[in-house]
Amino acid sequence: MHTNSKENDNLSPASQIISALHIILRSQAVMPGVETPYSQTTSPNSNHCAIELMTKALQLDATLHDISSLETVIDKINNLHRQLTEQKEKLISSIMLHKGLTSPIWYLPTEVLSQVFVHCLPEDKYLSPVSKLAPVLLTRICRRWREVAVGTPSLWDRLDVPYDLTRKRELPFCLDIWLKRSRGRLLSLALTCCFSSTLIEL
């Protein structure tokens, strides 16, 4: 716990890191020269050449060290870029969610929303208990919609019962849920025999 706290204290805001990178990019790195007084000499002094060779070797070591440090920095920048990209995606999702919550439909009175749901029902004489169609679909959007849909008996007063011999144990559960949600209204039923129907969780 203490270690994570200390690590967080050493972290700088992304904006400060980006500003520092801009400053670095505007500056110009000083690179060591590759030429020596003996580069173009046909008969160089061997002692002086050895000294220049050692000097260049030291410069090469320093340059390699700088490159290694730069690669480490680049890795950290790539990691920072990944984190900021993930944060951006989360913020976009959050913004879209909150924009949706400002829609007038979320503030409709329950009675009005119930009537809207009734008009969402398929025009079929009997309703099928599948998740992609109302009224079941209306119970899978959000908590409030589910409460309103379950509490609107006129959504549940007609049913096309898919009698699947391979899943007949689920049929009583489906009928029981539909009857409870119809709350005493006259229930119109149609029985459809099939072999591939999929009853869903209501």
C-alpha atoms as a PDB file:
ATOM      1  CA  MET A   1       0.000   0.000   0.000  1.00  0.00           C
ATOM      2  CA  HIS A   2       2.727   2.435   0.970  1.00  0.00           C
ATOM      3  CA  THR A   3       4.764   1.499  -2.097  1.00  0.00           C
ATOM      4  CA  ASN A   4       1.871   2.293  -4.452  1.00  0.00           C
ATOM      5  CA  SER A   5       1.297   5.593  -2.666  1.00  0.00           C
ATOM      6  CA  LYS A   6       4.936   6.592  -3.100  1.00  0.00           C
ATOM      7  CA  GLU A   7       4.826   5.584  -6.765  1.00  0.00           C
ATOM      8  CA  ASN A   8       1.735   7.710  -7.325  1.00  0.00           C
ATOM      9  CA  ASP A   9       3.440  10.677  -5.661  1.00  0.00           C
ATOM     10  CA  ASN A  10       6.222  10.437  -8.248  1.00  0.00           C
ATOM     11  CA  LEU A  11       3.804  10.445 -11.179  1.00  0.00           C
ATOM     12  CA  SER A  12       3.301  13.661 -13.121  1.00  0.00           C
ATOM     13  CA  PRO A  13       0.066  14.665 -14.880  1.00  0.00           C
ATOM     14  CA  ALA A  14       0.014  13.719 -18.546  1.00  0.00           C
ATOM     15  CA  SER A  15      -0.256  17.398 -19.526  1.00  0.00           C
ATOM     16  CA  GLN A  16       3.068  18.185 -17.796  1.00  0.00           C
ATOM     17  CA  ILE A  17       4.766  15.264 -19.530  1.00  0.00           C
ATOM     18  CA  ILE A  18       3.405  16.355 -22.922  1.00  0.00           C
ATOM     19  CA  SER A  19       4.578  19.956 -22.338  1.00  0.00           C
ATOM     20  CA  ALA A  20       8.040  18.714 -21.416  1.00  0.00           C
ATOM     21  CA  LEU A  21       8.160  16.586 -24.579  1.00  0.00           C
ATOM     22  CA  HIS A  22       7.246  19.602 -26.713  1.00  0.00           C
ATOM     23  CA  ILE A  23      10.128  21.541 -25.176  1.00  0.00           C
ATOM     24  CA  ILE A  24      12.512  18.671 -25.863  1.00  0.00           C
ATOM     25  CA  LEU A  25      11.346  18.323 -29.466  1.00  0.00           C
ATOM     26  CA  ARG A  26      11.906  22.039 -30.099  1.00  0.00           C
ATOM     27  CA  SER A  27      15.511  21.710 -28.979  1.00  0.00           C
ATOM     28  CA  GLN A  28      18.290  20.327 -31.182  1.00  0.00           C
ATOM     29  CA  ALA A  29      20.520  17.523 -30.037  1.00  0.00           C
ATOM     30  CA  VAL A  30      24.262  18.077 -30.345  1.00  0.00           C
ATOM     31  CA  MET A  31      25.834  15.144 -32.142  1.00  0.00           C
ATOM     32  CA  PRO A  32      29.573  14.446 -31.932  1.00  0.00           C
ATOM     33  CA  GLY A  33      31.550  15.051 -35.108  1.00  0.00           C
ATOM     34  CA  VAL A  34      32.769  12.074 -37.105  1.00  0.00           C
ATOM     35  CA  GLU A  35      35.715  13.802 -38.750  1.00  0.00           C
ATOM     36  CA  THR A  36      39.180  14.188 -37.150  1.00  0.00           C
ATOM     37  CA  PRO A  37      42.282  16.120 -38.269  1.00  0.00           C
ATOM     38  CA  TYR A  38      43.615  12.834 -39.557  1.00  0.00           C
ATOM     39  CA  SER A  39      40.617  11.668 -41.538  1.00  0.00           C
ATOM     40  CA  GLN A  40      42.029  12.961 -44.840  1.00  0.00           C
ATOM     41  CA  THR A  41      45.716  12.583 -44.039  1.00  0.00           C
ATOM     42  CA  THR A  42      47.625  10.089 -46.135  1.00  0.00           C
ATOM     43  CA  SER A  43      50.429   9.635 -43.596  1.00  0.00           C
ATOM     44  CA  PRO A  44      48.934  10.222 -40.131  1.00  0.00           C
ATOM     45  CA  ASN A  45      50.832  10.119 -36.885  1.00  0.00           C
ATOM     46  CA  SER A  46      50.046   6.766 -35.331  1.00  0.00           C
ATOM     47  CA  ASN A  47      50.137   8.085 -31.760  1.00  0.00           C
ATOM     48  CA  HIS A  48      47.716  10.900 -32.491  1.00  0.00           C
ATOM     49  CA  CYS A  49      45.476   8.506 -34.464  1.00  0.00           C
ATOM     50  CA  ALA A  50      45.298   6.202 -31.449  1.00  0.00           C
ATOM     51  CA  ILE A  51      44.268   9.120 -29.241  1.00  0.00           C
ATOM     52  CA  GLU A  52      41.562  10.153 -31.728  1.00  0.00           C
ATOM     53  CA  LEU A  53      40.406   6.544 -31.934  1.00  0.00           C
ATOM     54  CA  MET A  54      40.027   6.353 -28.173  1.00  0.00           C
ATOM     55  CA  THR A  55      38.175   9.686 -28.191  1.00  0.00           C
ATOM     56  CA  LYS A  56      35.785   8.451 -30.875  1.00  0.00           C
ATOM     57  CA  ALA A  57      35.285   5.194 -28.989  1.00  0.00           C
ATOM     58  CA  LEU A  58      34.281   7.140 -25.896  1.00  0.00           C
ATOM     59  CA  GLN A  59      31.925   9.285 -27.981  1.00  0.00           C
ATOM     60  CA  LEU A  60      30.422   6.117 -29.460  1.00  0.00           C
ATOM     61  CA  ASP A  61      29.827   4.680 -25.990  1.00  0.00           C
ATOM     62  CA  ALA A  62      28.156   7.929 -24.925  1.00  0.00           C
ATOM     63  CA  THR A  63      25.992   7.951 -28.069  1.00  0.00           C
ATOM     64  CA  LEU A  64      24.956   4.328 -27.537  1.00  0.00           C
ATOM     65  CA  HIS A  65      24.049   5.160 -23.954  1.00  0.00           C
ATOM     66  CA  ASP A  66      21.952   8.116 -25.158  1.00  0.00           C
ATOM     67  CA  ILE A  67      20.204   5.893 -27.707  1.00  0.00           C
ATOM     68  CA  SER A  68      19.436   3.311 -25.032  1.00  0.00           C
ATOM     69  CA  SER A  69      18.040   6.007 -22.750  1.00  0.00           C
ATOM     70  CA  LEU A  70      15.988   7.402 -25.620  1.00  0.00           C
ATOM     71  CA  GLU A  71      14.540   3.970 -26.385  1.00  0.00           C
ATOM     72  CA  THR A  72      13.528   3.647 -22.729  1.00  0.00           C
ATOM     73  CA  VAL A  73      11.826   7.037 -22.905  1.00  0.00           C
ATOM     74  CA  ILE A  74      10.061   6.045 -26.148  1.00  0.00           C
ATOM     75  CA  ASP A  75       8.755   2.875 -24.483  1.00  0.00           C
ATOM     76  CA  LYS A  76       7.364   4.969 -21.643  1.00  0.00           C
ATOM     77  CA  ILE A  77       5.813   7.412 -24.121  1.00  0.00           C
ATOM     78  CA  ASN A  78       4.169   4.510 -25.973  1.00  0.00           C
ATOM     79  CA  ASN A  79       2.818   3.222 -22.669  1.00  0.00           C
ATOM     80  CA  LEU A  80       1.512   6.704 -21.830  1.00  0.00           C
ATOM     81  CA  HIS A  81      -0.104   6.902 -25.278  1.00  0.00           C
ATOM     82  CA  ARG A  82      -1.820   3.560 -24.697  1.00  0.00           C
ATOM     83  CA  GLN A  83      -3.138   4.673 -21.305  1.00  0.00           C
ATOM     84  CA  LEU A  84      -4.408   7.976 -22.680  1.00  0.00           C
ATOM     85  CA  THR A  85      -6.086   6.184 -25.604  1.00  0.00           C
ATOM     86  CA  GLU A  86      -7.865   3.844 -23.195  1.00  0.00           C
ATOM     87  CA  GLN A  87      -8.911   6.825 -21.063  1.00  0.00           C
ATOM     88  CA  LYS A  88     -10.185   8.600 -24.182  1.00  0.00           C
ATOM     89  CA  GLU A  89     -12.354   5.605 -25.122  1.00  0.00           C
ATOM     90  CA  LYS A  90     -13.776   5.416 -21.596  1.00  0.00           C
ATOM     91  CA  LEU A  91     -14.531   9.150 -21.602  1.00  0.00           C
ATOM     92  CA  ILE A  92     -16.269   8.897 -24.982  1.00  0.00           C
ATOM     93  CA  SER A  93     -18.401   6.011 -23.695  1.00  0.00           C
ATOM     94  CA  SER A  94     -19.228   7.962 -20.542  1.00  0.00           C
ATOM     95  CA  ILE A  95     -20.164  11.068 -22.549  1.00  0.00           C
ATOM     96  CA  MET A  96     -22.423   9.052 -24.855  1.00  0.00           C
ATOM     97  CA  LEU A  97     -24.075   7.404 -21.838  1.00  0.00           C
ATOM     98  CA  HIS A  98     -24.747  10.743 -20.141  1.00  0.00           C
ATOM     99  CA  LYS A  99     -26.048  12.249 -23.381  1.00  0.00           C
ATOM    100  CA  GLY A 100     -28.500   9.364 -23.576  1.00  0.00           C
ATOM    101  CA  LEU A 101     -29.623  10.029 -20.008  1.00  0.00           C
ATOM    102  CA  THR A 102     -30.604  13.577 -20.962  1.00  0.00           C
ATOM    103  CA  SER A 103     -33.119  12.245 -23.510  1.00  0.00           C
ATOM    104  CA  PRO A 104     -36.720  13.266 -22.685  1.00  0.00           C
ATOM    105  CA  ILE A 105     -37.851   9.624 -22.754  1.00  0.00           C
ATOM    106  CA  TRP A 106     -36.099   9.019 -19.421  1.00  0.00           C
ATOM    107  CA  TYR A 107     -38.327  11.623 -17.769  1.00  0.00           C
ATOM    108  CA  LEU A 108     -41.696  10.467 -19.097  1.00  0.00           C
ATOM    109  CA  PRO A 109     -44.285   9.659 -16.410  1.00  0.00           C
ATOM    110  CA  THR A 110     -44.851   5.955 -15.865  1.00  0.00           C
ATOM    111  CA  GLU A 111     -48.399   6.120 -17.298  1.00  0.00           C
ATOM    112  CA  VAL A 112     -47.148   7.722 -20.524  1.00  0.00           C
ATOM    113  CA  LEU A 113     -44.253   5.283 -20.846  1.00  0.00           C
ATOM    114  CA  SER A 114     -46.669   2.378 -20.400  1.00  0.00           C
ATOM    115  CA  GLN A 115     -48.752   3.615 -23.330  1.00  0.00           C
ATOM    116  CA  VAL A 116     -45.610   4.002 -25.435  1.00  0.00           C
ATOM    117  CA  PHE A 117     -44.722   0.388 -24.636  1.00  0.00           C
ATOM    118  CA  VAL A 118     -48.189  -0.789 -25.686  1.00  0.00           C
ATOM    119  CA  HIS A 119     -47.658   0.829 -29.084  1.00  0.00           C
ATOM    120  CA  CYS A 120     -44.328  -1.008 -29.351  1.00  0.00           C
ATOM    121  CA  LEU A 121     -46.032  -4.396 -29.379  1.00  0.00           C
ATOM    122  CA  PRO A 122     -45.974  -6.381 -32.622  1.00  0.00           C
ATOM    123  CA  GLU A 123     -49.178  -6.297 -34.640  1.00  0.00           C
ATOM    124  CA  ASP A 124     -49.497 -10.068 -34.420  1.00  0.00           C
ATOM    125  CA  LYS A 125     -52.641 -11.370 -32.745  1.00  0.00           C
ATOM    126  CA  TYR A 126     -50.523 -13.345 -30.301  1.00  0.00           C
ATOM    127  CA  LEU A 127     -47.164 -12.353 -28.825  1.00  0.00           C
ATOM    128  CA  SER A 128     -44.100 -14.550 -28.923  1.00  0.00           C
ATOM    129  CA  PRO A 129     -41.886 -14.851 -25.795  1.00  0.00           C
ATOM    130  CA  VAL A 130     -38.603 -14.075 -27.540  1.00  0.00           C
ATOM    131  CA  SER A 131     -35.992 -11.613 -26.355  1.00  0.00           C
ATOM    132  CA  LYS A 132     -35.790  -9.634 -29.606  1.00  0.00           C
ATOM    133  CA  LEU A 133     -39.442  -8.579 -29.578  1.00  0.00           C
ATOM    134  CA  ALA A 134     -41.680  -6.604 -27.220  1.00  0.00           C
ATOM    135  CA  PRO A 135     -42.803  -7.078 -24.567  1.00  0.00           C
ATOM    136  CA  VAL A 136     -39.825  -9.187 -23.448  1.00  0.00           C
ATOM    137  CA  LEU A 137     -37.364  -6.843 -25.161  1.00  0.00           C
ATOM    138  CA  LEU A 138     -38.684  -3.930 -23.095  1.00  0.00           C
ATOM    139  CA  THR A 139     -37.648  -5.709 -19.895  1.00  0.00           C
ATOM    140  CA  ARG A 140     -34.027  -5.956 -21.024  1.00  0.00           C
ATOM    141  CA  ILE A 141     -33.187  -2.280 -21.649  1.00  0.00           C
ATOM    142  CA  CYS A 142     -32.785  -0.860 -18.154  1.00  0.00           C
ATOM    143  CA  ARG A 143     -34.171  -1.260 -14.641  1.00  0.00           C
ATOM    144  CA  ARG A 144     -36.882   1.389 -14.971  1.00  0.00           C
ATOM    145  CA  TRP A 145     -38.107   0.079 -18.316  1.00  0.00           C
ATOM    146  CA  ARG A 146     -38.248  -3.410 -16.859  1.00  0.00           C
ATOM    147  CA  GLU A 147     -40.271  -2.208 -13.860  1.00  0.00           C
ATOM    148  CA  VAL A 148     -42.701  -0.303 -16.084  1.00  0.00           C
ATOM    149  CA  ALA A 149     -43.050  -3.163 -18.588  1.00  0.00           C
ATOM    150  CA  VAL A 150     -43.569  -5.809 -15.894  1.00  0.00           C
ATOM    151  CA  GLY A 151     -46.083  -3.514 -14.205  1.00  0.00           C
ATOM    152  CA  THR A 152     -48.161  -3.000 -17.377  1.00  0.00           C
ATOM    153  CA  PRO A 153     -50.638  -5.925 -17.585  1.00  0.00           C
ATOM    154  CA  SER A 154     -51.858  -4.989 -21.081  1.00  0.00           C
ATOM    155  CA  LEU A 155     -48.439  -6.011 -22.421  1.00  0.00           C
ATOM    156  CA  TRP A 156     -48.952  -9.576 -21.231  1.00  0.00           C
ATOM    157  CA  ASP A 157     -52.562 -10.463 -22.062  1.00  0.00           C
ATOM    158  CA  ARG A 158     -51.899 -12.504 -25.225  1.00  0.00           C
ATOM    159  CA  LEU A 159     -49.335 -15.196 -25.876  1.00  0.00           C
ATOM    160  CA  ASP A 160     -48.284 -17.562 -28.598  1.00  0.00           C
ATOM    161  CA  VAL A 161     -47.025 -20.604 -26.693  1.00  0.00           C
ATOM    162  CA  PRO A 162     -44.228 -22.399 -28.570  1.00  0.00           C
ATOM    163  CA  TYR A 163     -44.630 -26.009 -27.515  1.00  0.00           C
ATOM    164  CA  ASP A 164     -41.217 -27.538 -28.084  1.00  0.00           C
ATOM    165  CA  LEU A 165     -41.054 -31.224 -27.179  1.00  0.00           C
ATOM    166  CA  THR A 166     -37.309 -30.959 -26.596  1.00  0.00           C
ATOM    167  CA  ARG A 167     -37.715 -28.129 -24.024  1.00  0.00           C
ATOM    168  CA  LYS A 168     -41.129 -28.800 -22.585  1.00  0.00           C
ATOM    169  CA  ARG A 169     -39.905 -28.382 -19.007  1.00  0.00           C
ATOM    170  CA  GLU A 170     -39.482 -24.629 -19.587  1.00  0.00           C
ATOM    171  CA  LEU A 171     -43.047 -24.158 -20.807  1.00  0.00           C
ATOM    172  CA  PRO A 172     -44.756 -24.070 -17.350  1.00  0.00           C
ATOM    173  CA  PHE A 173     -42.283 -21.438 -16.168  1.00  0.00           C
ATOM    174  CA  CYS A 174     -42.990 -19.276 -19.233  1.00  0.00           C
ATOM    175  CA  LEU A 175     -46.766 -19.563 -18.749  1.00  0.00           C
ATOM    176  CA  ASP A 176     -46.508 -18.831 -15.022  1.00  0.00           C
ATOM    177  CA  ILE A 177     -44.503 -15.639 -15.594  1.00  0.00           C
ATOM    178  CA  TRP A 178     -46.870 -14.448 -18.329  1.00  0.00           C
ATOM    179  CA  LEU A 179     -49.937 -15.110 -16.170  1.00  0.00           C
ATOM    180  CA  LYS A 180     -48.467 -13.219 -13.214  1.00  0.00           C
ATOM    181  CA  ARG A 181     -47.635 -10.200 -15.344  1.00  0.00           C
ATOM    182  CA  SER A 182     -51.094 -10.123 -16.913  1.00  0.00           C
ATOM    183  CA  ARG A 183     -52.453  -9.590 -13.373  1.00  0.00           C
ATOM    184  CA  GLY A 184     -55.865 -11.089 -13.813  1.00  0.00           C
ATOM    185  CA  ARG A 185     -56.577  -9.802 -17.314  1.00  0.00           C
ATOM    186  CA  LEU A 186     -58.176 -12.221 -19.731  1.00  0.00           C
ATOM    187  CA  LEU A 187     -55.306 -14.044 -21.403  1.00  0.00           C
ATOM    188  CA  SER A 188     -55.524 -15.067 -25.062  1.00  0.00           C
ATOM    189  CA  LEU A 189     -53.393 -18.109 -25.832  1.00  0.00           C
ATOM    190  CA  ALA A 190     -52.306 -19.846 -29.015  1.00  0.00           C
ATOM    191  CA  LEU A 191     -50.396 -23.119 -28.959  1.00  0.00           C
ATOM    192  CA  THR A 192     -47.747 -23.614 -31.653  1.00  0.00           C
ATOM    193  CA  CYS A 193     -46.096 -27.002 -31.933  1.00  0.00           C
ATOM    194  CA  CYS A 194     -42.486 -26.833 -33.016  1.00  0.00           C
ATOM    195  CA  PHE A 195     -39.173 -28.577 -32.562  1.00  0.00           C
ATOM    196  CA  SER A 196     -36.644 -25.707 -32.582  1.00  0.00           C
ATOM    197  CA  SER A 197     -38.226 -22.937 -30.560  1.00  0.00           C
ATOM    198  CA  THR A 198     -36.045 -21.178 -27.999  1.00  0.00           C
ATOM    199  CA  LEU A 199     -37.742 -20.110 -24.788  1.00  0.00           C
ATOM    200  CA  ILE A 200     -35.925 -17.311 -23.044  1.00  0.00           C
ATOM    201  CA  GLU A 201     -35.580 -16.208 -19.447  1.00  0.00           C
ATOM    202  CA  LEU A 202     -38.334 -13.794 -18.550  1.00  0.00           C
END
